[in-house]
Amino acid sequence: MKPQAKALVWLTAIMIVLPLVAQAQGAASPDKQEAIAKLEKMSAELNLTPQQKKQMLPILMEEAPKMKAIKANTSLPPLQKVMQIRQVGSEMDAKVKPILSPGQFQKYEQIRAQEREQMIQKIRSGKE
């Protein structure tokens, strides 16, 4: 094969493979996907601005693995899980409060209270 033909084959191969590799590396982790889905839901309920969404995503991404670890820890009794979930939630609330307006934060607190209650019920019933 001529050197020019080899170069053309390699260039074509690189042009095909490189975007696939970049796409695979850019694929969101399950935790990130979960955080983004939660952010979109929260955004719709609280009418978040683009700036608020940008500030909230890292907070949600930090919270997701913590909550997942608590739920997955089979050595913790249910009461201990509830206490740890509340602690993580309180930490998140403190980070979120300065980002939201007072009205948004009030609604956020209501949403979070419902989410916590649902999670606590799952833990008590042994489903988490």
C-alpha atoms as a PDB file:
ATOM      1  CA  MET A   1       0.000   0.000   0.000  1.00  0.00           C
ATOM      2  CA  LYS A   2       1.284   3.435  -0.884  1.00  0.00           C
ATOM      3  CA  PRO A   3       2.307   5.744   1.961  1.00  0.00           C
ATOM      4  CA  GLN A   4      -0.423   8.222   1.014  1.00  0.00           C
ATOM      5  CA  ALA A   5      -3.064   5.504   1.107  1.00  0.00           C
ATOM      6  CA  LYS A   6      -1.841   4.313   4.522  1.00  0.00           C
ATOM      7  CA  ALA A   7      -1.987   7.846   5.849  1.00  0.00           C
ATOM      8  CA  LEU A   8      -5.510   8.246   4.507  1.00  0.00           C
ATOM      9  CA  VAL A   9      -6.637   4.993   6.156  1.00  0.00           C
ATOM     10  CA  TRP A  10      -5.121   6.034   9.496  1.00  0.00           C
ATOM     11  CA  LEU A  11      -6.611   9.499   9.287  1.00  0.00           C
ATOM     12  CA  THR A  12     -10.037   8.060   8.533  1.00  0.00           C
ATOM     13  CA  ALA A  13      -9.752   5.595  11.410  1.00  0.00           C
ATOM     14  CA  ILE A  14      -8.733   8.350  13.806  1.00  0.00           C
ATOM     15  CA  MET A  15     -11.603  10.556  12.658  1.00  0.00           C
ATOM     16  CA  ILE A  16     -14.051   7.718  13.358  1.00  0.00           C
ATOM     17  CA  VAL A  17     -12.611   6.510  16.671  1.00  0.00           C
ATOM     18  CA  LEU A  18     -11.758   9.834  18.309  1.00  0.00           C
ATOM     19  CA  PRO A  19     -15.355  11.139  18.553  1.00  0.00           C
ATOM     20  CA  LEU A  20     -16.479   7.774  19.979  1.00  0.00           C
ATOM     21  CA  VAL A  21     -13.799   7.891  22.676  1.00  0.00           C
ATOM     22  CA  ALA A  22     -14.655  11.484  23.531  1.00  0.00           C
ATOM     23  CA  GLN A  23     -18.342  10.603  23.755  1.00  0.00           C
ATOM     24  CA  ALA A  24     -17.647   7.644  26.037  1.00  0.00           C
ATOM     25  CA  GLN A  25     -15.515   9.781  28.346  1.00  0.00           C
ATOM     26  CA  GLY A  26     -18.162  12.480  28.433  1.00  0.00           C
ATOM     27  CA  ALA A  27     -20.945  10.053  29.320  1.00  0.00           C
ATOM     28  CA  ALA A  28     -22.483  11.032  32.631  1.00  0.00           C
ATOM     29  CA  SER A  29     -22.101   8.707  35.582  1.00  0.00           C
ATOM     30  CA  PRO A  30     -25.292   7.340  37.166  1.00  0.00           C
ATOM     31  CA  ASP A  31     -24.843   9.735  40.104  1.00  0.00           C
ATOM     32  CA  LYS A  32     -24.486  12.684  37.739  1.00  0.00           C
ATOM     33  CA  GLN A  33     -27.509  11.578  35.729  1.00  0.00           C
ATOM     34  CA  GLU A  34     -29.506  11.267  38.948  1.00  0.00           C
ATOM     35  CA  ALA A  35     -28.374  14.723  40.080  1.00  0.00           C
ATOM     36  CA  ILE A  36     -29.290  16.246  36.712  1.00  0.00           C
ATOM     37  CA  ALA A  37     -32.730  14.627  36.784  1.00  0.00           C
ATOM     38  CA  LYS A  38     -33.281  15.905  40.321  1.00  0.00           C
ATOM     39  CA  LEU A  39     -32.089  19.359  39.274  1.00  0.00           C
ATOM     40  CA  GLU A  40     -34.516  19.459  36.341  1.00  0.00           C
ATOM     41  CA  LYS A  41     -37.397  18.448  38.603  1.00  0.00           C
ATOM     42  CA  MET A  42     -36.371  21.025  41.191  1.00  0.00           C
ATOM     43  CA  SER A  43     -35.927  23.658  38.499  1.00  0.00           C
ATOM     44  CA  ALA A  44     -39.472  23.145  37.273  1.00  0.00           C
ATOM     45  CA  GLU A  45     -40.927  23.252  40.783  1.00  0.00           C
ATOM     46  CA  LEU A  46     -38.911  26.257  41.975  1.00  0.00           C
ATOM     47  CA  ASN A  47     -38.512  28.170  38.689  1.00  0.00           C
ATOM     48  CA  LEU A  48     -34.740  28.258  39.021  1.00  0.00           C
ATOM     49  CA  THR A  49     -32.721  30.677  36.941  1.00  0.00           C
ATOM     50  CA  PRO A  50     -29.869  29.320  34.793  1.00  0.00           C
ATOM     51  CA  GLN A  51     -27.392  30.726  37.342  1.00  0.00           C
ATOM     52  CA  GLN A  52     -29.187  28.977  40.218  1.00  0.00           C
ATOM     53  CA  LYS A  53     -29.188  25.701  38.286  1.00  0.00           C
ATOM     54  CA  LYS A  54     -25.456  26.041  37.707  1.00  0.00           C
ATOM     55  CA  GLN A  55     -24.889  26.595  41.435  1.00  0.00           C
ATOM     56  CA  MET A  56     -27.194  23.752  42.509  1.00  0.00           C
ATOM     57  CA  LEU A  57     -25.740  20.954  40.346  1.00  0.00           C
ATOM     58  CA  PRO A  58     -22.480  20.486  42.313  1.00  0.00           C
ATOM     59  CA  ILE A  59     -24.450  20.414  45.569  1.00  0.00           C
ATOM     60  CA  LEU A  60     -26.802  17.740  44.253  1.00  0.00           C
ATOM     61  CA  MET A  61     -23.882  15.755  42.852  1.00  0.00           C
ATOM     62  CA  GLU A  62     -22.198  15.837  46.254  1.00  0.00           C
ATOM     63  CA  GLU A  63     -25.348  14.707  48.039  1.00  0.00           C
ATOM     64  CA  ALA A  64     -26.241  11.750  45.775  1.00  0.00           C
ATOM     65  CA  PRO A  65     -23.343   9.412  46.638  1.00  0.00           C
ATOM     66  CA  LYS A  66     -23.674  10.204  50.341  1.00  0.00           C
ATOM     67  CA  MET A  67     -27.357   9.275  50.355  1.00  0.00           C
ATOM     68  CA  LYS A  68     -26.682   6.188  48.258  1.00  0.00           C
ATOM     69  CA  ALA A  69     -23.967   5.046  50.687  1.00  0.00           C
ATOM     70  CA  ILE A  70     -26.258   5.492  53.680  1.00  0.00           C
ATOM     71  CA  LYS A  71     -29.079   3.569  52.017  1.00  0.00           C
ATOM     72  CA  ALA A  72     -26.732   0.775  50.936  1.00  0.00           C
ATOM     73  CA  ASN A  73     -25.120   0.360  54.364  1.00  0.00           C
ATOM     74  CA  THR A  74     -26.764  -2.795  55.692  1.00  0.00           C
ATOM     75  CA  SER A  75     -24.876  -2.609  58.995  1.00  0.00           C
ATOM     76  CA  LEU A  76     -26.760   0.523  60.069  1.00  0.00           C
ATOM     77  CA  PRO A  77     -29.998   0.074  61.991  1.00  0.00           C
ATOM     78  CA  PRO A  78     -32.988   1.990  60.536  1.00  0.00           C
ATOM     79  CA  LEU A  79     -32.875   4.732  63.172  1.00  0.00           C
ATOM     80  CA  GLN A  80     -29.200   5.370  62.476  1.00  0.00           C
ATOM     81  CA  LYS A  81     -29.917   5.598  58.740  1.00  0.00           C
ATOM     82  CA  VAL A  82     -32.679   8.124  59.362  1.00  0.00           C
ATOM     83  CA  MET A  83     -30.365  10.231  61.522  1.00  0.00           C
ATOM     84  CA  GLN A  84     -27.603  10.185  58.905  1.00  0.00           C
ATOM     85  CA  ILE A  85     -30.027  11.024  56.096  1.00  0.00           C
ATOM     86  CA  ARG A  86     -31.294  13.992  58.086  1.00  0.00           C
ATOM     87  CA  GLN A  87     -27.718  15.130  58.721  1.00  0.00           C
ATOM     88  CA  VAL A  88     -26.815  15.015  55.013  1.00  0.00           C
ATOM     89  CA  GLY A  89     -30.077  16.791  54.180  1.00  0.00           C
ATOM     90  CA  SER A  90     -29.406  19.530  56.725  1.00  0.00           C
ATOM     91  CA  GLU A  91     -25.938  20.086  55.290  1.00  0.00           C
ATOM     92  CA  MET A  92     -27.415  20.383  51.820  1.00  0.00           C
ATOM     93  CA  ASP A  93     -30.136  22.764  52.997  1.00  0.00           C
ATOM     94  CA  ALA A  94     -27.481  25.070  54.444  1.00  0.00           C
ATOM     95  CA  LYS A  95     -25.663  25.144  51.090  1.00  0.00           C
ATOM     96  CA  VAL A  96     -28.841  25.695  49.074  1.00  0.00           C
ATOM     97  CA  LYS A  97     -30.380  28.455  51.201  1.00  0.00           C
ATOM     98  CA  PRO A  98     -28.091  31.295  49.995  1.00  0.00           C
ATOM     99  CA  ILE A  99     -28.760  30.339  46.354  1.00  0.00           C
ATOM    100  CA  LEU A 100     -32.563  30.488  46.529  1.00  0.00           C
ATOM    101  CA  SER A 101     -34.899  33.388  47.150  1.00  0.00           C
ATOM    102  CA  PRO A 102     -36.895  33.220  50.420  1.00  0.00           C
ATOM    103  CA  GLY A 103     -40.016  32.043  48.542  1.00  0.00           C
ATOM    104  CA  GLN A 104     -38.070  29.407  46.624  1.00  0.00           C
ATOM    105  CA  PHE A 105     -36.407  28.171  49.793  1.00  0.00           C
ATOM    106  CA  GLN A 106     -39.739  27.846  51.583  1.00  0.00           C
ATOM    107  CA  LYS A 107     -41.075  25.706  48.741  1.00  0.00           C
ATOM    108  CA  TYR A 108     -37.781  23.784  48.622  1.00  0.00           C
ATOM    109  CA  GLU A 109     -38.138  22.957  52.326  1.00  0.00           C
ATOM    110  CA  GLN A 110     -41.626  21.588  51.714  1.00  0.00           C
ATOM    111  CA  ILE A 111     -40.396  19.406  48.842  1.00  0.00           C
ATOM    112  CA  ARG A 112     -37.431  18.139  50.869  1.00  0.00           C
ATOM    113  CA  ALA A 113     -39.652  17.332  53.850  1.00  0.00           C
ATOM    114  CA  GLN A 114     -41.845  15.175  51.609  1.00  0.00           C
ATOM    115  CA  GLU A 115     -38.802  13.448  50.082  1.00  0.00           C
ATOM    116  CA  ARG A 116     -37.321  12.745  53.513  1.00  0.00           C
ATOM    117  CA  GLU A 117     -40.595  11.335  54.804  1.00  0.00           C
ATOM    118  CA  GLN A 118     -40.863   9.024  51.806  1.00  0.00           C
ATOM    119  CA  MET A 119     -37.270   7.861  52.265  1.00  0.00           C
ATOM    120  CA  ILE A 120     -37.798   7.280  55.988  1.00  0.00           C
ATOM    121  CA  GLN A 121     -40.913   5.229  55.282  1.00  0.00           C
ATOM    122  CA  LYS A 122     -38.961   3.077  52.813  1.00  0.00           C
ATOM    123  CA  ILE A 123     -36.208   2.508  55.352  1.00  0.00           C
ATOM    124  CA  ARG A 124     -38.688   1.623  58.098  1.00  0.00           C
ATOM    125  CA  SER A 125     -40.461  -0.837  55.824  1.00  0.00           C
ATOM    126  CA  GLY A 126     -37.114  -2.431  54.925  1.00  0.00           C
ATOM    127  CA  LYS A 127     -37.161  -1.453  51.240  1.00  0.00           C
ATOM    128  CA  GLU A 128     -33.942   0.599  51.332  1.00  0.00           C
END
